[in-house]
């Protein structure tokens, strides 16, 4: 994805109907500007329209999904790390 300072990338590996999201990278000049979040949101939206599941192997993607639980349905229920994505109610 093009940013003001370069290109933000999200690396993945596809396994059937599942995308393993493995690494997110944003140009240093764009850090803290929400570019990584916009990229993750775009990829998750694409996965949803394609009927794919996602496995957030990337720590940034995991923390983003944890903060945006409306996307948790894309993560397979039998994925062992899924419970870490559910925020506890205060």
PDB file of N, CA and C in Angstrom:
ATOM      1  N   UNK A   1       0.847  -1.159   0.000  1.00  0.00           N
ATOM      2  CA  UNK A   1       0.000   0.000   0.000  1.00  0.00           C
ATOM      3  C   UNK A   1       0.901   1.233   0.000  1.00  0.00           C
ATOM      4  N   UNK A   2       0.613   2.185  -0.876  1.00  0.00           N
ATOM      5  CA  UNK A   2       1.406   3.406  -0.948  1.00  0.00           C
ATOM      6  C   UNK A   2       1.108   4.306   0.250  1.00  0.00           C
ATOM      7  N   UNK A   3       2.158   4.885   0.818  1.00  0.00           N
ATOM      8  CA  UNK A   3       2.038   5.845   1.911  1.00  0.00           C
ATOM      9  C   UNK A   3       2.793   7.108   1.497  1.00  0.00           C
ATOM     10  N   UNK A   4       2.735   8.136   2.330  1.00  0.00           N
ATOM     11  CA  UNK A   4       3.477   9.364   2.016  1.00  0.00           C
ATOM     12  C   UNK A   4       4.977   9.107   1.934  1.00  0.00           C
ATOM     13  N   UNK A   5       5.469   8.187   2.755  1.00  0.00           N
ATOM     14  CA  UNK A   5       6.911   7.955   2.839  1.00  0.00           C
ATOM     15  C   UNK A   5       7.392   6.735   2.061  1.00  0.00           C
ATOM     16  N   UNK A   6       6.505   6.004   1.422  1.00  0.00           N
ATOM     17  CA  UNK A   6       6.944   4.801   0.711  1.00  0.00           C
ATOM     18  C   UNK A   6       5.833   3.789   0.560  1.00  0.00           C
ATOM     19  N   UNK A   7       6.115   2.563   0.969  1.00  0.00           N
ATOM     20  CA  UNK A   7       5.162   1.469   0.812  1.00  0.00           C
ATOM     21  C   UNK A   7       5.041   0.687   2.111  1.00  0.00           C
ATOM     22  N   UNK A   8       3.804   0.468   2.546  1.00  0.00           N
ATOM     23  CA  UNK A   8       3.518  -0.401   3.691  1.00  0.00           C
ATOM     24  C   UNK A   8       3.179  -1.778   3.136  1.00  0.00           C
ATOM     25  N   UNK A   9       3.680  -2.826   3.786  1.00  0.00           N
ATOM     26  CA  UNK A   9       3.447  -4.184   3.294  1.00  0.00           C
ATOM     27  C   UNK A   9       2.928  -5.088   4.405  1.00  0.00           C
ATOM     28  N   UNK A  10       2.147  -6.064   4.002  1.00  0.00           N
ATOM     29  CA  UNK A  10       1.691  -7.109   4.911  1.00  0.00           C
ATOM     30  C   UNK A  10       1.966  -8.431   4.209  1.00  0.00           C
ATOM     31  N   UNK A  11       2.898  -9.193   4.746  1.00  0.00           N
ATOM     32  CA  UNK A  11       3.264 -10.473   4.146  1.00  0.00           C
ATOM     33  C   UNK A  11       2.301 -11.550   4.633  1.00  0.00           C
ATOM     34  N   UNK A  12       2.017 -12.500   3.758  1.00  0.00           N
ATOM     35  CA  UNK A  12       1.093 -13.575   4.108  1.00  0.00           C
ATOM     36  C   UNK A  12       1.477 -14.848   3.373  1.00  0.00           C
ATOM     37  N   UNK A  13       0.893 -15.932   3.872  1.00  0.00           N
ATOM     38  CA  UNK A  13       1.005 -17.239   3.214  1.00  0.00           C
ATOM     39  C   UNK A  13      -0.411 -17.771   3.121  1.00  0.00           C
ATOM     40  N   UNK A  14      -0.815 -18.187   1.940  1.00  0.00           N
ATOM     41  CA  UNK A  14      -2.166 -18.714   1.765  1.00  0.00           C
ATOM     42  C   UNK A  14      -2.131 -20.226   1.827  1.00  0.00           C
ATOM     43  N   UNK A  15      -3.057 -20.780   2.618  1.00  0.00           N
ATOM     44  CA  UNK A  15      -3.210 -22.219   2.760  1.00  0.00           C
ATOM     45  C   UNK A  15      -4.690 -22.529   2.572  1.00  0.00           C
ATOM     46  N   UNK A  16      -5.074 -22.847   1.343  1.00  0.00           N
ATOM     47  CA  UNK A  16      -6.483 -23.095   1.055  1.00  0.00           C
ATOM     48  C   UNK A  16      -7.298 -21.826   1.242  1.00  0.00           C
ATOM     49  N   UNK A  17      -8.283 -21.882   2.149  1.00  0.00           N
ATOM     50  CA  UNK A  17      -9.125 -20.704   2.393  1.00  0.00           C
ATOM     51  C   UNK A  17      -8.664 -19.904   3.606  1.00  0.00           C
ATOM     52  N   UNK A  18      -7.400 -20.069   3.986  1.00  0.00           N
ATOM     53  CA  UNK A  18      -6.854 -19.363   5.146  1.00  0.00           C
ATOM     54  C   UNK A  18      -5.622 -18.554   4.748  1.00  0.00           C
ATOM     55  N   UNK A  19      -5.609 -17.292   5.186  1.00  0.00           N
ATOM     56  CA  UNK A  19      -4.431 -16.444   5.021  1.00  0.00           C
ATOM     57  C   UNK A  19      -3.694 -16.389   6.346  1.00  0.00           C
ATOM     58  N   UNK A  20      -2.446 -16.784   6.360  1.00  0.00           N
ATOM     59  CA  UNK A  20      -1.589 -16.639   7.540  1.00  0.00           C
ATOM     60  C   UNK A  20      -0.868 -15.305   7.372  1.00  0.00           C
ATOM     61  N   UNK A  21      -1.252 -14.315   8.161  1.00  0.00           N
ATOM     62  CA  UNK A  21      -0.673 -12.978   8.073  1.00  0.00           C
ATOM     63  C   UNK A  21       0.588 -12.973   8.928  1.00  0.00           C
ATOM     64  N   UNK A  22       1.746 -12.867   8.281  1.00  0.00           N
ATOM     65  CA  UNK A  22       3.009 -13.151   8.962  1.00  0.00           C
ATOM     66  C   UNK A  22       3.843 -11.936   9.352  1.00  0.00           C
ATOM     67  N   UNK A  23       3.735 -10.831   8.624  1.00  0.00           N
ATOM     68  CA  UNK A  23       4.604  -9.684   8.943  1.00  0.00           C
ATOM     69  C   UNK A  23       4.029  -8.411   8.338  1.00  0.00           C
ATOM     70  N   UNK A  24       3.993  -7.356   9.141  1.00  0.00           N
ATOM     71  CA  UNK A  24       3.557  -6.040   8.676  1.00  0.00           C
ATOM     72  C   UNK A  24       4.738  -5.087   8.780  1.00  0.00           C
ATOM     73  N   UNK A  25       4.933  -4.296   7.743  1.00  0.00           N
ATOM     74  CA  UNK A  25       6.021  -3.320   7.773  1.00  0.00           C
ATOM     75  C   UNK A  25       5.540  -1.996   7.185  1.00  0.00           C
ATOM     76  N   UNK A  26       5.863  -0.923   7.906  1.00  0.00           N
ATOM     77  CA  UNK A  26       5.495   0.432   7.505  1.00  0.00           C
ATOM     78  C   UNK A  26       6.777   1.259   7.487  1.00  0.00           C
ATOM     79  N   UNK A  27       6.946   2.153   6.504  1.00  0.00           N
ATOM     80  CA  UNK A  27       8.131   3.011   6.523  1.00  0.00           C
ATOM     81  C   UNK A  27       8.252   3.752   7.862  1.00  0.00           C
ATOM     82  N   UNK A  28       9.460   3.871   8.347  1.00  0.00           N
ATOM     83  CA  UNK A  28       9.704   4.499   9.652  1.00  0.00           C
ATOM     84  C   UNK A  28       9.023   5.869   9.756  1.00  0.00           C
ATOM     85  N   UNK A  29       9.054   6.635   8.692  1.00  0.00           N
ATOM     86  CA  UNK A  29       8.455   7.969   8.712  1.00  0.00           C
ATOM     87  C   UNK A  29       6.939   7.927   8.882  1.00  0.00           C
ATOM     88  N   UNK A  30       6.321   6.808   8.576  1.00  0.00           N
ATOM     89  CA  UNK A  30       4.867   6.662   8.688  1.00  0.00           C
ATOM     90  C   UNK A  30       4.428   5.996   9.985  1.00  0.00           C
ATOM     91  N   UNK A  31       5.371   5.559  10.806  1.00  0.00           N
ATOM     92  CA  UNK A  31       4.995   4.891  12.055  1.00  0.00           C
ATOM     93  C   UNK A  31       4.189   5.842  12.934  1.00  0.00           C
ATOM     94  N   UNK A  32       3.137   5.306  13.548  1.00  0.00           N
ATOM     95  CA  UNK A  32       2.294   6.097  14.435  1.00  0.00           C
ATOM     96  C   UNK A  32       1.244   6.931  13.723  1.00  0.00           C
ATOM     97  N   UNK A  33       1.137   6.814  12.431  1.00  0.00           N
ATOM     98  CA  UNK A  33       0.155   7.580  11.654  1.00  0.00           C
ATOM     99  C   UNK A  33      -1.055   6.756  11.243  1.00  0.00           C
ATOM    100  N   UNK A  34      -1.120   5.514  11.684  1.00  0.00           N
ATOM    101  CA  UNK A  34      -2.265   4.672  11.362  1.00  0.00           C
ATOM    102  C   UNK A  34      -2.174   3.926  10.048  1.00  0.00           C
ATOM    103  N   UNK A  35      -1.043   4.042   9.365  1.00  0.00           N
ATOM    104  CA  UNK A  35      -0.906   3.365   8.067  1.00  0.00           C
ATOM    105  C   UNK A  35      -0.964   1.847   8.212  1.00  0.00           C
ATOM    106  N   UNK A  36      -0.324   1.308   9.249  1.00  0.00           N
ATOM    107  CA  UNK A  36      -0.365  -0.138   9.471  1.00  0.00           C
ATOM    108  C   UNK A  36      -1.779  -0.623   9.723  1.00  0.00           C
ATOM    109  N   UNK A  37      -2.525   0.111  10.522  1.00  0.00           N
ATOM    110  CA  UNK A  37      -3.915  -0.246  10.795  1.00  0.00           C
ATOM    111  C   UNK A  37      -4.779  -0.193   9.551  1.00  0.00           C
ATOM    112  N   UNK A  38      -4.575   0.836   8.719  1.00  0.00           N
ATOM    113  CA  UNK A  38      -5.342   0.921   7.471  1.00  0.00           C
ATOM    114  C   UNK A  38      -5.026  -0.259   6.560  1.00  0.00           C
ATOM    115  N   UNK A  39      -3.763  -0.660   6.544  1.00  0.00           N
ATOM    116  CA  UNK A  39      -3.373  -1.806   5.724  1.00  0.00           C
ATOM    117  C   UNK A  39      -4.036  -3.082   6.233  1.00  0.00           C
ATOM    118  N   UNK A  40      -3.982  -3.310   7.535  1.00  0.00           N
ATOM    119  CA  UNK A  40      -4.614  -4.505   8.114  1.00  0.00           C
ATOM    120  C   UNK A  40      -6.112  -4.486   7.830  1.00  0.00           C
ATOM    121  N   UNK A  41      -6.759  -3.348   8.029  1.00  0.00           N
ATOM    122  CA  UNK A  41      -8.200  -3.254   7.781  1.00  0.00           C
ATOM    123  C   UNK A  41      -8.529  -3.561   6.323  1.00  0.00           C
ATOM    124  N   UNK A  42      -7.707  -3.075   5.408  1.00  0.00           N
ATOM    125  CA  UNK A  42      -7.919  -3.345   3.989  1.00  0.00           C
ATOM    126  C   UNK A  42      -7.792  -4.842   3.687  1.00  0.00           C
ATOM    127  N   UNK A  43      -6.745  -5.466   4.205  1.00  0.00           N
ATOM    128  CA  UNK A  43      -6.527  -6.898   3.956  1.00  0.00           C
ATOM    129  C   UNK A  43      -7.654  -7.730   4.566  1.00  0.00           C
ATOM    130  N   UNK A  44      -8.082  -7.386   5.783  1.00  0.00           N
ATOM    131  CA  UNK A  44      -9.175  -8.135   6.406  1.00  0.00           C
ATOM    132  C   UNK A  44     -10.479  -7.945   5.636  1.00  0.00           C
ATOM    133  N   UNK A  45     -10.721  -6.749   5.125  1.00  0.00           N
ATOM    134  CA  UNK A  45     -11.909  -6.519   4.302  1.00  0.00           C
ATOM    135  C   UNK A  45     -11.874  -7.356   3.037  1.00  0.00           C
ATOM    136  N   UNK A  46     -10.699  -7.423   2.415  1.00  0.00           N
ATOM    137  CA  UNK A  46     -10.553  -8.249   1.217  1.00  0.00           C
ATOM    138  C   UNK A  46     -10.782  -9.719   1.553  1.00  0.00           C
ATOM    139  N   UNK A  47     -10.196 -10.187   2.666  1.00  0.00           N
ATOM    140  CA  UNK A  47     -10.376 -11.583   3.078  1.00  0.00           C
ATOM    141  C   UNK A  47     -11.859 -11.882   3.291  1.00  0.00           C
ATOM    142  N   UNK A  48     -12.569 -10.944   3.904  1.00  0.00           N
ATOM    143  CA  UNK A  48     -14.002 -11.140   4.154  1.00  0.00           C
ATOM    144  C   UNK A  48     -14.771 -11.278   2.836  1.00  0.00           C
ATOM    145  N   UNK A  49     -14.512 -10.399   1.874  1.00  0.00           N
ATOM    146  CA  UNK A  49     -15.244 -10.470   0.606  1.00  0.00           C
ATOM    147  C   UNK A  49     -14.903 -11.732  -0.180  1.00  0.00           C
ATOM    148  N   UNK A  50     -13.705 -12.263   0.033  1.00  0.00           N
ATOM    149  CA  UNK A  50     -13.295 -13.489  -0.650  1.00  0.00           C
ATOM    150  C   UNK A  50     -13.699 -14.753   0.102  1.00  0.00           C
ATOM    151  N   UNK A  51     -14.294 -14.603   1.296  1.00  0.00           N
ATOM    152  CA  UNK A  51     -14.699 -15.758   2.089  1.00  0.00           C
ATOM    153  C   UNK A  51     -13.534 -16.500   2.724  1.00  0.00           C
ATOM    154  N   UNK A  52     -12.462 -15.777   3.039  1.00  0.00           N
ATOM    155  CA  UNK A  52     -11.268 -16.398   3.614  1.00  0.00           C
ATOM    156  C   UNK A  52     -11.224 -16.218   5.125  1.00  0.00           C
ATOM    157  N   UNK A  53     -10.515 -17.116   5.784  1.00  0.00           N
ATOM    158  CA  UNK A  53     -10.191 -16.965   7.203  1.00  0.00           C
ATOM    159  C   UNK A  53      -8.807 -16.344   7.292  1.00  0.00           C
ATOM    160  N   UNK A  54      -8.500 -15.762   8.452  1.00  0.00           N
ATOM    161  CA  UNK A  54      -7.157 -15.224   8.662  1.00  0.00           C
ATOM    162  C   UNK A  54      -6.586 -15.757   9.967  1.00  0.00           C
ATOM    163  N   UNK A  55      -5.300 -16.032   9.948  1.00  0.00           N
ATOM    164  CA  UNK A  55      -4.567 -16.414  11.155  1.00  0.00           C
ATOM    165  C   UNK A  55      -3.519 -15.322  11.371  1.00  0.00           C
ATOM    166  N   UNK A  56      -3.652 -14.545  12.451  1.00  0.00           N
ATOM    167  CA  UNK A  56      -2.740 -13.433  12.682  1.00  0.00           C
ATOM    168  C   UNK A  56      -1.430 -13.870  13.338  1.00  0.00           C
ATOM    169  N   UNK A  57      -0.516 -14.382  12.540  1.00  0.00           N
ATOM    170  CA  UNK A  57       0.794 -14.785  13.059  1.00  0.00           C
ATOM    171  C   UNK A  57       1.674 -13.573  13.358  1.00  0.00           C
ATOM    172  N   UNK A  58       1.344 -12.433  12.796  1.00  0.00           N
ATOM    173  CA  UNK A  58       2.080 -11.187  13.025  1.00  0.00           C
ATOM    174  C   UNK A  58       1.572 -10.532  14.315  1.00  0.00           C
ATOM    175  N   UNK A  59       2.463 -10.173  15.239  1.00  0.00           N
ATOM    176  CA  UNK A  59       2.025  -9.542  16.492  1.00  0.00           C
ATOM    177  C   UNK A  59       1.228  -8.254  16.278  1.00  0.00           C
ATOM    178  N   UNK A  60       1.586  -7.463  15.261  1.00  0.00           N
ATOM    179  CA  UNK A  60       0.840  -6.230  15.001  1.00  0.00           C
ATOM    180  C   UNK A  60      -0.592  -6.552  14.599  1.00  0.00           C
ATOM    181  N   UNK A  61      -0.777  -7.528  13.721  1.00  0.00           N
ATOM    182  CA  UNK A  61      -2.123  -7.907  13.285  1.00  0.00           C
ATOM    183  C   UNK A  61      -2.915  -8.464  14.465  1.00  0.00           C
ATOM    184  N   UNK A  62      -2.283  -9.282  15.294  1.00  0.00           N
ATOM    185  CA  UNK A  62      -2.960  -9.822  16.485  1.00  0.00           C
ATOM    186  C   UNK A  62      -3.457  -8.706  17.382  1.00  0.00           C
ATOM    187  N   UNK A  63      -2.593  -7.735  17.670  1.00  0.00           N
ATOM    188  CA  UNK A  63      -3.012  -6.657  18.566  1.00  0.00           C
ATOM    189  C   UNK A  63      -4.078  -5.790  17.910  1.00  0.00           C
ATOM    190  N   UNK A  64      -4.022  -5.622  16.603  1.00  0.00           N
ATOM    191  CA  UNK A  64      -5.033  -4.832  15.903  1.00  0.00           C
ATOM    192  C   UNK A  64      -6.395  -5.520  15.984  1.00  0.00           C
ATOM    193  N   UNK A  65      -6.429  -6.819  15.744  1.00  0.00           N
ATOM    194  CA  UNK A  65      -7.700  -7.554  15.835  1.00  0.00           C
ATOM    195  C   UNK A  65      -8.222  -7.515  17.264  1.00  0.00           C
ATOM    196  N   UNK A  66      -7.336  -7.592  18.227  1.00  0.00           N
ATOM    197  CA  UNK A  66      -7.766  -7.535  19.631  1.00  0.00           C
ATOM    198  C   UNK A  66      -8.456  -6.205  19.933  1.00  0.00           C
ATOM    199  N   UNK A  67      -7.973  -5.125  19.325  1.00  0.00           N
ATOM    200  CA  UNK A  67      -8.582  -3.810  19.521  1.00  0.00           C
ATOM    201  C   UNK A  67      -9.805  -3.591  18.638  1.00  0.00           C
ATOM    202  N   UNK A  68     -10.001  -4.446  17.648  1.00  0.00           N
ATOM    203  CA  UNK A  68     -11.127  -4.329  16.712  1.00  0.00           C
ATOM    204  C   UNK A  68     -11.837  -5.686  16.621  1.00  0.00           C
ATOM    205  N   UNK A  69     -12.530  -6.072  17.693  1.00  0.00           N
ATOM    206  CA  UNK A  69     -13.114  -7.420  17.763  1.00  0.00           C
ATOM    207  C   UNK A  69     -14.185  -7.700  16.714  1.00  0.00           C
ATOM    208  N   UNK A  70     -14.638  -6.686  16.003  1.00  0.00           N
ATOM    209  CA  UNK A  70     -15.613  -6.930  14.940  1.00  0.00           C
ATOM    210  C   UNK A  70     -15.013  -7.768  13.812  1.00  0.00           C
ATOM    211  N   UNK A  71     -13.698  -7.942  13.815  1.00  0.00           N
ATOM    212  CA  UNK A  71     -13.034  -8.765  12.800  1.00  0.00           C
ATOM    213  C   UNK A  71     -12.647 -10.150  13.324  1.00  0.00           C
ATOM    214  N   UNK A  72     -12.948 -10.420  14.576  1.00  0.00           N
ATOM    215  CA  UNK A  72     -12.574 -11.699  15.189  1.00  0.00           C
ATOM    216  C   UNK A  72     -13.222 -12.886  14.481  1.00  0.00           C
ATOM    217  N   UNK A  73     -14.377 -12.663  13.861  1.00  0.00           N
ATOM    218  CA  UNK A  73     -15.057 -13.763  13.173  1.00  0.00           C
ATOM    219  C   UNK A  73     -14.252 -14.309  11.999  1.00  0.00           C
ATOM    220  N   UNK A  74     -13.262 -13.569  11.525  1.00  0.00           N
ATOM    221  CA  UNK A  74     -12.420 -14.061  10.430  1.00  0.00           C
ATOM    222  C   UNK A  74     -11.393 -15.083  10.897  1.00  0.00           C
ATOM    223  N   UNK A  75     -11.121 -15.099  12.196  1.00  0.00           N
ATOM    224  CA  UNK A  75     -10.125 -16.014  12.764  1.00  0.00           C
ATOM    225  C   UNK A  75     -10.806 -17.349  13.063  1.00  0.00           C
ATOM    226  N   UNK A  76     -10.278 -18.458  12.562  1.00  0.00           N
ATOM    227  CA  UNK A  76     -10.909 -19.760  12.803  1.00  0.00           C
ATOM    228  C   UNK A  76     -11.081 -20.032  14.302  1.00  0.00           C
ATOM    229  N   UNK A  77     -12.256 -20.521  14.667  1.00  0.00           N
ATOM    230  CA  UNK A  77     -12.536 -20.794  16.078  1.00  0.00           C
ATOM    231  C   UNK A  77     -11.606 -21.844  16.658  1.00  0.00           C
ATOM    232  N   UNK A  78     -11.073 -22.734  15.824  1.00  0.00           N
ATOM    233  CA  UNK A  78     -10.193 -23.783  16.341  1.00  0.00           C
ATOM    234  C   UNK A  78      -8.714 -23.377  16.317  1.00  0.00           C
ATOM    235  N   UNK A  79      -8.416 -22.128  15.952  1.00  0.00           N
ATOM    236  CA  UNK A  79      -7.023 -21.680  15.981  1.00  0.00           C
ATOM    237  C   UNK A  79      -6.588 -21.521  17.434  1.00  0.00           C
ATOM    238  N   UNK A  80      -5.489 -22.164  17.850  1.00  0.00           N
ATOM    239  CA  UNK A  80      -5.080 -22.172  19.261  1.00  0.00           C
ATOM    240  C   UNK A  80      -4.855 -20.789  19.873  1.00  0.00           C
ATOM    241  N   UNK A  81      -4.467 -19.794  19.103  1.00  0.00           N
ATOM    242  CA  UNK A  81      -4.205 -18.469  19.658  1.00  0.00           C
ATOM    243  C   UNK A  81      -5.411 -17.560  19.727  1.00  0.00           C
ATOM    244  N   UNK A  82      -6.568 -18.053  19.299  1.00  0.00           N
ATOM    245  CA  UNK A  82      -7.758 -17.193  19.206  1.00  0.00           C
ATOM    246  C   UNK A  82      -8.168 -16.607  20.550  1.00  0.00           C
ATOM    247  N   UNK A  83      -8.069 -17.378  21.612  1.00  0.00           N
ATOM    248  CA  UNK A  83      -8.516 -16.891  22.921  1.00  0.00           C
ATOM    249  C   UNK A  83      -7.715 -15.675  23.380  1.00  0.00           C
ATOM    250  N   UNK A  84      -6.471 -15.537  22.918  1.00  0.00           N
ATOM    251  CA  UNK A  84      -5.664 -14.361  23.284  1.00  0.00           C
ATOM    252  C   UNK A  84      -6.160 -13.092  22.607  1.00  0.00           C
ATOM    253  N   UNK A  85      -6.980 -13.233  21.576  1.00  0.00           N
ATOM    254  CA  UNK A  85      -7.487 -12.075  20.845  1.00  0.00           C
ATOM    255  C   UNK A  85      -8.745 -11.491  21.473  1.00  0.00           C
ATOM    256  N   UNK A  86      -9.344 -12.217  22.393  1.00  0.00           N
ATOM    257  CA  UNK A  86     -10.593 -11.768  23.010  1.00  0.00           C
ATOM    258  C   UNK A  86     -10.254 -10.907  24.217  1.00  0.00           C
ATOM    259  N   UNK A  87     -10.701  -9.661  24.186  1.00  0.00           N
ATOM    260  CA  UNK A  87     -10.455  -8.759  25.320  1.00  0.00           C
ATOM    261  C   UNK A  87     -11.368  -9.141  26.468  1.00  0.00           C
ATOM    262  N   UNK A  88     -10.816  -9.065  27.651  1.00  0.00           N
ATOM    263  CA  UNK A  88     -11.633  -9.319  28.837  1.00  0.00           C
ATOM    264  C   UNK A  88     -12.474  -8.093  29.126  1.00  0.00           C
ATOM    265  N   UNK A  89     -13.698  -8.316  29.563  1.00  0.00           N
ATOM    266  CA  UNK A  89     -14.587  -7.214  29.930  1.00  0.00           C
ATOM    267  C   UNK A  89     -14.129  -6.637  31.265  1.00  0.00           C
ATOM    268  N   UNK A  90     -14.096  -5.289  31.394  1.00  0.00           N
ATOM    269  CA  UNK A  90     -13.674  -4.688  32.678  1.00  0.00           C
ATOM    270  C   UNK A  90     -14.668  -4.934  33.783  1.00  0.00           C
TER     271      UNK A  90
END
